[in-house]
């Protein structure tokens, strides 16, 4: 029964990815304006993400959603990072442009999906590219679009929040766009708490292959995840990148480990 469920879900998910890439490719061809194109990409990705989470059996619980729900301004959204599912989860809450590592660009299917969801690929190791990427992110924020940054720069195994990489917070400071921290916590797998023995099924971290992880994920009946909106960090051109990063880290870390399960 598990195998049948897995293959049926895999087939439906594959069709959804093809549909998503096809629709987004058409948008890419016919829409020239960058702001409009990114806006369409993020809205299409948001709709498709909702369908994808239904297929995967992921139930999202939203806690303290306030600023993002009212949509009176745009934000640089910063979050902890546990799995590629984080992107789907955030997309269902707020259509956004995601900031992704350049290494992801060549990885199929994640690279193509990220590109056509409006993802911006960044190079963290080259200073010349870094400055160019910061300017690009700043330009998109100035367009009034929400952007999502995972400051840890990679996924973790959930035992701790990794050290934040600070450079791209500069984009929010220079564009005077406030930073909205959120905290993602995967609570349950098939009705039971996520623990050290089963976290590898949900979390996607170093040493785990994508396709092995994904097909194992398809075998599951349900996953429960909580997304908590935290206090907004207001910035100005005079804000300290180091202080802003430390504040975002503290708020996300405090929220993550408050009443967290034993992992």
C-alpha atoms as a PDB file:
ATOM      1  CA  UNK A   1       0.000   0.000   0.000  1.00  0.00           C
ATOM      2  CA  UNK A   2       2.857   2.371   0.867  1.00  0.00           C
ATOM      3  CA  UNK A   3       4.538   1.734  -2.500  1.00  0.00           C
ATOM      4  CA  UNK A   4       1.306   2.327  -4.404  1.00  0.00           C
ATOM      5  CA  UNK A   5       0.691   5.567  -2.518  1.00  0.00           C
ATOM      6  CA  UNK A   6       4.258   6.707  -3.147  1.00  0.00           C
ATOM      7  CA  UNK A   7       4.110   6.130  -6.900  1.00  0.00           C
ATOM      8  CA  UNK A   8       0.685   7.718  -7.294  1.00  0.00           C
ATOM      9  CA  UNK A   9       1.831  10.798  -5.352  1.00  0.00           C
ATOM     10  CA  UNK A  10       5.080  10.896  -7.342  1.00  0.00           C
ATOM     11  CA  UNK A  11       3.175  10.833 -10.638  1.00  0.00           C
ATOM     12  CA  UNK A  12       0.781  13.589  -9.574  1.00  0.00           C
ATOM     13  CA  UNK A  13       3.670  15.669  -8.208  1.00  0.00           C
ATOM     14  CA  UNK A  14       5.584  15.209 -11.481  1.00  0.00           C
ATOM     15  CA  UNK A  15       2.575  16.450 -13.463  1.00  0.00           C
ATOM     16  CA  UNK A  16       2.293  19.443 -11.139  1.00  0.00           C
ATOM     17  CA  UNK A  17       5.965  20.337 -11.661  1.00  0.00           C
ATOM     18  CA  UNK A  18       5.585  20.063 -15.446  1.00  0.00           C
ATOM     19  CA  UNK A  19       2.477  22.267 -15.342  1.00  0.00           C
ATOM     20  CA  UNK A  20       4.246  24.802 -13.132  1.00  0.00           C
ATOM     21  CA  UNK A  21       7.326  24.973 -15.353  1.00  0.00           C
ATOM     22  CA  UNK A  22       5.199  25.190 -18.493  1.00  0.00           C
ATOM     23  CA  UNK A  23       3.019  28.037 -17.252  1.00  0.00           C
ATOM     24  CA  UNK A  24       5.994  29.930 -15.838  1.00  0.00           C
ATOM     25  CA  UNK A  25       7.985  29.450 -19.046  1.00  0.00           C
ATOM     26  CA  UNK A  26       5.149  31.011 -21.039  1.00  0.00           C
ATOM     27  CA  UNK A  27       5.057  33.943 -18.622  1.00  0.00           C
ATOM     28  CA  UNK A  28       8.826  34.280 -19.020  1.00  0.00           C
ATOM     29  CA  UNK A  29       8.417  34.528 -22.790  1.00  0.00           C
ATOM     30  CA  UNK A  30       5.555  37.015 -22.978  1.00  0.00           C
ATOM     31  CA  UNK A  31       6.186  39.316 -19.991  1.00  0.00           C
ATOM     32  CA  UNK A  32       9.125  41.670 -20.416  1.00  0.00           C
ATOM     33  CA  UNK A  33       8.851  43.930 -17.384  1.00  0.00           C
ATOM     34  CA  UNK A  34      10.972  42.475 -14.575  1.00  0.00           C
ATOM     35  CA  UNK A  35       8.691  43.530 -11.744  1.00  0.00           C
ATOM     36  CA  UNK A  36       5.581  42.120 -13.403  1.00  0.00           C
ATOM     37  CA  UNK A  37       7.404  38.915 -14.331  1.00  0.00           C
ATOM     38  CA  UNK A  38       8.630  38.314 -10.781  1.00  0.00           C
ATOM     39  CA  UNK A  39       5.171  39.133  -9.452  1.00  0.00           C
ATOM     40  CA  UNK A  40       3.553  36.574 -11.765  1.00  0.00           C
ATOM     41  CA  UNK A  41       6.207  33.987 -10.942  1.00  0.00           C
ATOM     42  CA  UNK A  42       5.655  34.360  -7.196  1.00  0.00           C
ATOM     43  CA  UNK A  43       1.854  34.159  -7.488  1.00  0.00           C
ATOM     44  CA  UNK A  44       1.996  31.068  -9.699  1.00  0.00           C
ATOM     45  CA  UNK A  45       4.489  29.478  -7.294  1.00  0.00           C
ATOM     46  CA  UNK A  46       2.218  30.295  -4.342  1.00  0.00           C
ATOM     47  CA  UNK A  47      -0.766  28.571  -5.949  1.00  0.00           C
ATOM     48  CA  UNK A  48       1.257  25.542  -7.035  1.00  0.00           C
ATOM     49  CA  UNK A  49       2.869  25.291  -3.591  1.00  0.00           C
ATOM     50  CA  UNK A  50      -0.548  24.902  -1.995  1.00  0.00           C
ATOM     51  CA  UNK A  51      -1.291  22.000  -4.321  1.00  0.00           C
ATOM     52  CA  UNK A  52       2.151  20.493  -3.694  1.00  0.00           C
ATOM     53  CA  UNK A  53       1.650  20.534   0.079  1.00  0.00           C
ATOM     54  CA  UNK A  54      -1.711  18.810  -0.319  1.00  0.00           C
ATOM     55  CA  UNK A  55       0.001  16.042  -2.306  1.00  0.00           C
ATOM     56  CA  UNK A  56       2.726  15.728   0.324  1.00  0.00           C
ATOM     57  CA  UNK A  57       0.202  15.713   3.164  1.00  0.00           C
ATOM     58  CA  UNK A  58       1.701  18.812   4.784  1.00  0.00           C
ATOM     59  CA  UNK A  59      -0.566  20.813   7.087  1.00  0.00           C
ATOM     60  CA  UNK A  60       0.569  24.362   7.838  1.00  0.00           C
ATOM     61  CA  UNK A  61      -0.364  26.045  11.110  1.00  0.00           C
ATOM     62  CA  UNK A  62       0.164  29.805  11.128  1.00  0.00           C
ATOM     63  CA  UNK A  63       0.912  31.554  14.395  1.00  0.00           C
ATOM     64  CA  UNK A  64       0.712  35.323  15.001  1.00  0.00           C
ATOM     65  CA  UNK A  65       0.327  36.215  11.323  1.00  0.00           C
ATOM     66  CA  UNK A  66      -0.091  39.980  11.329  1.00  0.00           C
ATOM     67  CA  UNK A  67       2.207  42.105   9.195  1.00  0.00           C
ATOM     68  CA  UNK A  68       2.468  39.621   6.324  1.00  0.00           C
ATOM     69  CA  UNK A  69      -1.309  39.158   6.239  1.00  0.00           C
ATOM     70  CA  UNK A  70      -2.049  42.895   6.027  1.00  0.00           C
ATOM     71  CA  UNK A  71       0.350  43.478   3.115  1.00  0.00           C
ATOM     72  CA  UNK A  72       0.687  47.208   3.733  1.00  0.00           C
ATOM     73  CA  UNK A  73       4.372  47.106   2.872  1.00  0.00           C
ATOM     74  CA  UNK A  74       6.934  44.667   1.563  1.00  0.00           C
ATOM     75  CA  UNK A  75       9.623  42.954   3.631  1.00  0.00           C
ATOM     76  CA  UNK A  76      12.836  41.041   3.499  1.00  0.00           C
ATOM     77  CA  UNK A  77      11.585  37.879   5.192  1.00  0.00           C
ATOM     78  CA  UNK A  78      14.267  35.922   7.060  1.00  0.00           C
ATOM     79  CA  UNK A  79      13.740  32.377   8.293  1.00  0.00           C
ATOM     80  CA  UNK A  80      15.517  29.369   9.697  1.00  0.00           C
ATOM     81  CA  UNK A  81      16.043  26.599   7.153  1.00  0.00           C
ATOM     82  CA  UNK A  82      15.324  22.884   7.638  1.00  0.00           C
ATOM     83  CA  UNK A  83      14.168  21.526   4.283  1.00  0.00           C
ATOM     84  CA  UNK A  84      13.360  22.403   0.676  1.00  0.00           C
ATOM     85  CA  UNK A  85       9.754  22.188   1.875  1.00  0.00           C
ATOM     86  CA  UNK A  86      10.357  25.488   3.704  1.00  0.00           C
ATOM     87  CA  UNK A  87      10.038  27.251   0.346  1.00  0.00           C
ATOM     88  CA  UNK A  88       6.669  25.652  -0.369  1.00  0.00           C
ATOM     89  CA  UNK A  89       5.452  26.440   3.131  1.00  0.00           C
ATOM     90  CA  UNK A  90       6.419  30.128   2.971  1.00  0.00           C
ATOM     91  CA  UNK A  91       5.051  30.437  -0.578  1.00  0.00           C
ATOM     92  CA  UNK A  92       1.608  29.355   0.576  1.00  0.00           C
ATOM     93  CA  UNK A  93       1.575  32.146   3.154  1.00  0.00           C
ATOM     94  CA  UNK A  94       2.989  35.018   1.119  1.00  0.00           C
ATOM     95  CA  UNK A  95       3.975  35.091  -2.584  1.00  0.00           C
ATOM     96  CA  UNK A  96       7.670  35.964  -2.502  1.00  0.00           C
ATOM     97  CA  UNK A  97      10.906  36.105  -4.451  1.00  0.00           C
ATOM     98  CA  UNK A  98      13.391  33.646  -2.957  1.00  0.00           C
ATOM     99  CA  UNK A  99      17.119  34.178  -2.604  1.00  0.00           C
ATOM    100  CA  UNK A 100      18.970  30.935  -3.396  1.00  0.00           C
ATOM    101  CA  UNK A 101      22.589  29.800  -3.552  1.00  0.00           C
ATOM    102  CA  UNK A 102      24.065  29.666  -7.048  1.00  0.00           C
ATOM    103  CA  UNK A 103      24.982  25.972  -6.541  1.00  0.00           C
ATOM    104  CA  UNK A 104      21.268  25.168  -6.657  1.00  0.00           C
ATOM    105  CA  UNK A 105      20.984  26.512 -10.209  1.00  0.00           C
ATOM    106  CA  UNK A 106      22.481  23.376 -11.766  1.00  0.00           C
ATOM    107  CA  UNK A 107      20.575  20.884  -9.603  1.00  0.00           C
ATOM    108  CA  UNK A 108      17.525  19.367 -11.284  1.00  0.00           C
ATOM    109  CA  UNK A 109      14.681  19.801 -10.510  1.00  0.00           C
ATOM    110  CA  UNK A 110      15.329  22.282  -7.689  1.00  0.00           C
ATOM    111  CA  UNK A 111      17.240  24.700  -9.923  1.00  0.00           C
ATOM    112  CA  UNK A 112      14.534  24.942 -12.585  1.00  0.00           C
ATOM    113  CA  UNK A 113      11.739  25.190 -10.036  1.00  0.00           C
ATOM    114  CA  UNK A 114      13.598  27.931  -8.148  1.00  0.00           C
ATOM    115  CA  UNK A 115      14.259  29.877 -11.352  1.00  0.00           C
ATOM    116  CA  UNK A 116      10.639  29.830 -12.485  1.00  0.00           C
ATOM    117  CA  UNK A 117       9.328  30.688  -9.059  1.00  0.00           C
ATOM    118  CA  UNK A 118      11.203  33.974  -9.405  1.00  0.00           C
ATOM    119  CA  UNK A 119      14.231  32.841  -7.426  1.00  0.00           C
ATOM    120  CA  UNK A 120      17.348  35.015  -7.403  1.00  0.00           C
ATOM    121  CA  UNK A 121      20.589  33.042  -7.452  1.00  0.00           C
ATOM    122  CA  UNK A 122      23.471  34.484  -5.469  1.00  0.00           C
ATOM    123  CA  UNK A 123      27.196  33.775  -5.254  1.00  0.00           C
ATOM    124  CA  UNK A 124      28.395  34.076  -1.670  1.00  0.00           C
ATOM    125  CA  UNK A 125      32.078  33.278  -2.249  1.00  0.00           C
ATOM    126  CA  UNK A 126      33.014  35.862  -4.884  1.00  0.00           C
ATOM    127  CA  UNK A 127      33.245  39.464  -3.631  1.00  0.00           C
ATOM    128  CA  UNK A 128      32.573  41.054  -7.036  1.00  0.00           C
ATOM    129  CA  UNK A 129      29.491  38.886  -7.546  1.00  0.00           C
ATOM    130  CA  UNK A 130      28.457  39.484  -3.950  1.00  0.00           C
ATOM    131  CA  UNK A 131      28.248  43.249  -4.419  1.00  0.00           C
ATOM    132  CA  UNK A 132      26.328  42.798  -7.669  1.00  0.00           C
ATOM    133  CA  UNK A 133      23.900  40.388  -5.991  1.00  0.00           C
ATOM    134  CA  UNK A 134      23.316  42.812  -3.107  1.00  0.00           C
ATOM    135  CA  UNK A 135      22.415  45.541  -5.616  1.00  0.00           C
ATOM    136  CA  UNK A 136      20.079  43.162  -7.473  1.00  0.00           C
ATOM    137  CA  UNK A 137      18.258  42.225  -4.265  1.00  0.00           C
ATOM    138  CA  UNK A 138      18.033  45.889  -3.316  1.00  0.00           C
ATOM    139  CA  UNK A 139      16.476  46.690  -6.712  1.00  0.00           C
ATOM    140  CA  UNK A 140      13.827  43.988  -6.276  1.00  0.00           C
ATOM    141  CA  UNK A 141      12.987  45.170  -2.770  1.00  0.00           C
ATOM    142  CA  UNK A 142      12.613  48.690  -4.161  1.00  0.00           C
ATOM    143  CA  UNK A 143      10.050  47.284  -6.621  1.00  0.00           C
ATOM    144  CA  UNK A 144       7.814  46.593  -3.614  1.00  0.00           C
ATOM    145  CA  UNK A 145       8.136  42.796  -3.737  1.00  0.00           C
ATOM    146  CA  UNK A 146       8.597  40.537  -0.720  1.00  0.00           C
ATOM    147  CA  UNK A 147      11.833  38.555  -0.709  1.00  0.00           C
ATOM    148  CA  UNK A 148      12.823  35.550   1.394  1.00  0.00           C
ATOM    149  CA  UNK A 149      16.333  34.958   2.715  1.00  0.00           C
ATOM    150  CA  UNK A 150      17.614  31.951   4.641  1.00  0.00           C
ATOM    151  CA  UNK A 151      20.572  33.565   6.447  1.00  0.00           C
ATOM    152  CA  UNK A 152      21.991  30.211   7.536  1.00  0.00           C
ATOM    153  CA  UNK A 153      22.861  29.708   3.827  1.00  0.00           C
ATOM    154  CA  UNK A 154      22.053  25.995   4.086  1.00  0.00           C
ATOM    155  CA  UNK A 155      19.648  23.623   5.784  1.00  0.00           C
ATOM    156  CA  UNK A 156      20.313  22.222   9.257  1.00  0.00           C
ATOM    157  CA  UNK A 157      19.370  19.028  11.085  1.00  0.00           C
ATOM    158  CA  UNK A 158      17.226  20.991  13.535  1.00  0.00           C
ATOM    159  CA  UNK A 159      19.534  20.653  16.521  1.00  0.00           C
ATOM    160  CA  UNK A 160      20.497  24.314  16.397  1.00  0.00           C
ATOM    161  CA  UNK A 161      20.101  27.486  14.341  1.00  0.00           C
ATOM    162  CA  UNK A 162      23.280  27.884  12.300  1.00  0.00           C
ATOM    163  CA  UNK A 163      25.250  31.115  12.284  1.00  0.00           C
ATOM    164  CA  UNK A 164      23.667  33.796  10.109  1.00  0.00           C
ATOM    165  CA  UNK A 165      25.513  35.099   7.045  1.00  0.00           C
ATOM    166  CA  UNK A 166      25.125  38.872   7.132  1.00  0.00           C
ATOM    167  CA  UNK A 167      25.951  40.378   3.684  1.00  0.00           C
ATOM    168  CA  UNK A 168      22.506  40.231   2.099  1.00  0.00           C
ATOM    169  CA  UNK A 169      20.842  41.971   5.026  1.00  0.00           C
ATOM    170  CA  UNK A 170      22.633  45.034   3.649  1.00  0.00           C
ATOM    171  CA  UNK A 171      20.105  45.088   0.798  1.00  0.00           C
ATOM    172  CA  UNK A 172      17.218  45.686   3.203  1.00  0.00           C
ATOM    173  CA  UNK A 173      19.132  48.334   5.125  1.00  0.00           C
ATOM    174  CA  UNK A 174      20.141  50.255   1.998  1.00  0.00           C
ATOM    175  CA  UNK A 175      16.639  50.068   0.491  1.00  0.00           C
ATOM    176  CA  UNK A 176      15.022  50.953   3.837  1.00  0.00           C
ATOM    177  CA  UNK A 177      12.825  47.830   3.738  1.00  0.00           C
ATOM    178  CA  UNK A 178      12.035  46.332   7.128  1.00  0.00           C
ATOM    179  CA  UNK A 179      13.056  42.792   8.015  1.00  0.00           C
ATOM    180  CA  UNK A 180      10.366  40.297   8.975  1.00  0.00           C
ATOM    181  CA  UNK A 181      11.710  37.275  10.894  1.00  0.00           C
ATOM    182  CA  UNK A 182       9.683  34.080  10.868  1.00  0.00           C
ATOM    183  CA  UNK A 183      10.299  30.727  12.545  1.00  0.00           C
ATOM    184  CA  UNK A 184       9.539  27.356  10.957  1.00  0.00           C
ATOM    185  CA  UNK A 185       9.055  24.296  13.152  1.00  0.00           C
ATOM    186  CA  UNK A 186       8.059  20.859  11.872  1.00  0.00           C
ATOM    187  CA  UNK A 187       5.966  19.455  14.686  1.00  0.00           C
ATOM    188  CA  UNK A 188       4.629  16.019  13.754  1.00  0.00           C
ATOM    189  CA  UNK A 189       5.184  13.183  11.306  1.00  0.00           C
ATOM    190  CA  UNK A 190       2.223  10.845  10.803  1.00  0.00           C
ATOM    191  CA  UNK A 191       0.686  12.108  14.048  1.00  0.00           C
ATOM    192  CA  UNK A 192       3.804  11.543  16.181  1.00  0.00           C
ATOM    193  CA  UNK A 193       6.422  14.011  17.395  1.00  0.00           C
ATOM    194  CA  UNK A 194       9.492  14.567  15.254  1.00  0.00           C
ATOM    195  CA  UNK A 195      12.475  13.098  17.093  1.00  0.00           C
ATOM    196  CA  UNK A 196      16.119  12.207  16.494  1.00  0.00           C
ATOM    197  CA  UNK A 197      15.033   8.874  15.022  1.00  0.00           C
ATOM    198  CA  UNK A 198      12.674  10.224  12.348  1.00  0.00           C
ATOM    199  CA  UNK A 199      13.839  13.791  11.655  1.00  0.00           C
ATOM    200  CA  UNK A 200      15.804  12.639   8.572  1.00  0.00           C
ATOM    201  CA  UNK A 201      12.474  11.942   6.881  1.00  0.00           C
ATOM    202  CA  UNK A 202      11.423  15.580   7.137  1.00  0.00           C
ATOM    203  CA  UNK A 203      14.622  17.611   7.461  1.00  0.00           C
ATOM    204  CA  UNK A 204      16.922  17.757   4.437  1.00  0.00           C
ATOM    205  CA  UNK A 205      20.518  18.311   5.450  1.00  0.00           C
ATOM    206  CA  UNK A 206      24.082  17.430   4.501  1.00  0.00           C
ATOM    207  CA  UNK A 207      24.605  13.783   3.611  1.00  0.00           C
ATOM    208  CA  UNK A 208      21.030  13.143   2.457  1.00  0.00           C
ATOM    209  CA  UNK A 209      20.390  12.764  -1.290  1.00  0.00           C
ATOM    210  CA  UNK A 210      17.477  14.710  -2.756  1.00  0.00           C
ATOM    211  CA  UNK A 211      15.698  11.891  -4.584  1.00  0.00           C
ATOM    212  CA  UNK A 212      16.159   9.411  -1.712  1.00  0.00           C
ATOM    213  CA  UNK A 213      14.708  12.014   0.653  1.00  0.00           C
ATOM    214  CA  UNK A 214      11.867  13.000  -1.644  1.00  0.00           C
ATOM    215  CA  UNK A 215      10.655   9.465  -2.330  1.00  0.00           C
ATOM    216  CA  UNK A 216      10.854   8.650   1.381  1.00  0.00           C
ATOM    217  CA  UNK A 217       8.780  11.775   2.002  1.00  0.00           C
ATOM    218  CA  UNK A 218       6.119  10.564  -0.444  1.00  0.00           C
ATOM    219  CA  UNK A 219       5.564   7.473   1.689  1.00  0.00           C
ATOM    220  CA  UNK A 220       4.370   9.557   4.636  1.00  0.00           C
ATOM    221  CA  UNK A 221       0.713  10.190   5.419  1.00  0.00           C
ATOM    222  CA  UNK A 222       0.987  13.574   7.114  1.00  0.00           C
ATOM    223  CA  UNK A 223       3.427  16.255   8.246  1.00  0.00           C
ATOM    224  CA  UNK A 224       2.538  19.133  10.557  1.00  0.00           C
ATOM    225  CA  UNK A 225       4.498  22.390  10.391  1.00  0.00           C
ATOM    226  CA  UNK A 226       4.124  25.621  12.324  1.00  0.00           C
ATOM    227  CA  UNK A 227       5.107  29.032  10.962  1.00  0.00           C
ATOM    228  CA  UNK A 228       5.365  31.866  13.467  1.00  0.00           C
ATOM    229  CA  UNK A 229       5.614  35.521  12.523  1.00  0.00           C
ATOM    230  CA  UNK A 230       7.956  37.310  14.920  1.00  0.00           C
ATOM    231  CA  UNK A 231       8.415  40.961  15.809  1.00  0.00           C
ATOM    232  CA  UNK A 232       9.403  43.074  12.810  1.00  0.00           C
ATOM    233  CA  UNK A 233      12.888  44.577  12.755  1.00  0.00           C
ATOM    234  CA  UNK A 234      12.661  48.165  11.576  1.00  0.00           C
ATOM    235  CA  UNK A 235      15.705  49.374   9.677  1.00  0.00           C
ATOM    236  CA  UNK A 236      17.103  52.604   8.279  1.00  0.00           C
ATOM    237  CA  UNK A 237      20.166  53.421   6.174  1.00  0.00           C
ATOM    238  CA  UNK A 238      22.020  53.995   9.462  1.00  0.00           C
ATOM    239  CA  UNK A 239      21.244  50.527  10.845  1.00  0.00           C
ATOM    240  CA  UNK A 240      24.136  48.229  11.713  1.00  0.00           C
ATOM    241  CA  UNK A 241      24.157  45.034   9.667  1.00  0.00           C
ATOM    242  CA  UNK A 242      25.794  43.180  12.547  1.00  0.00           C
ATOM    243  CA  UNK A 243      23.182  44.329  15.070  1.00  0.00           C
ATOM    244  CA  UNK A 244      20.284  43.583  12.716  1.00  0.00           C
ATOM    245  CA  UNK A 245      21.652  40.087  12.049  1.00  0.00           C
ATOM    246  CA  UNK A 246      22.138  39.411  15.770  1.00  0.00           C
ATOM    247  CA  UNK A 247      18.591  40.574  16.545  1.00  0.00           C
ATOM    248  CA  UNK A 248      17.055  38.428  13.787  1.00  0.00           C
ATOM    249  CA  UNK A 249      19.069  35.418  14.958  1.00  0.00           C
ATOM    250  CA  UNK A 250      17.969  35.863  18.571  1.00  0.00           C
ATOM    251  CA  UNK A 251      14.280  36.207  17.722  1.00  0.00           C
ATOM    252  CA  UNK A 252      14.256  33.174  15.443  1.00  0.00           C
ATOM    253  CA  UNK A 253      16.394  31.052  17.780  1.00  0.00           C
ATOM    254  CA  UNK A 254      14.297  31.954  20.840  1.00  0.00           C
ATOM    255  CA  UNK A 255      11.083  31.073  18.994  1.00  0.00           C
ATOM    256  CA  UNK A 256      12.484  27.820  17.618  1.00  0.00           C
ATOM    257  CA  UNK A 257      13.653  26.458  20.961  1.00  0.00           C
ATOM    258  CA  UNK A 258      10.629  27.636  22.930  1.00  0.00           C
ATOM    259  CA  UNK A 259       8.637  24.471  23.697  1.00  0.00           C
ATOM    260  CA  UNK A 260      10.513  22.673  20.912  1.00  0.00           C
ATOM    261  CA  UNK A 261      10.400  18.914  20.753  1.00  0.00           C
ATOM    262  CA  UNK A 262      13.419  16.813  21.630  1.00  0.00           C
ATOM    263  CA  UNK A 263      15.341  16.310  18.424  1.00  0.00           C
END
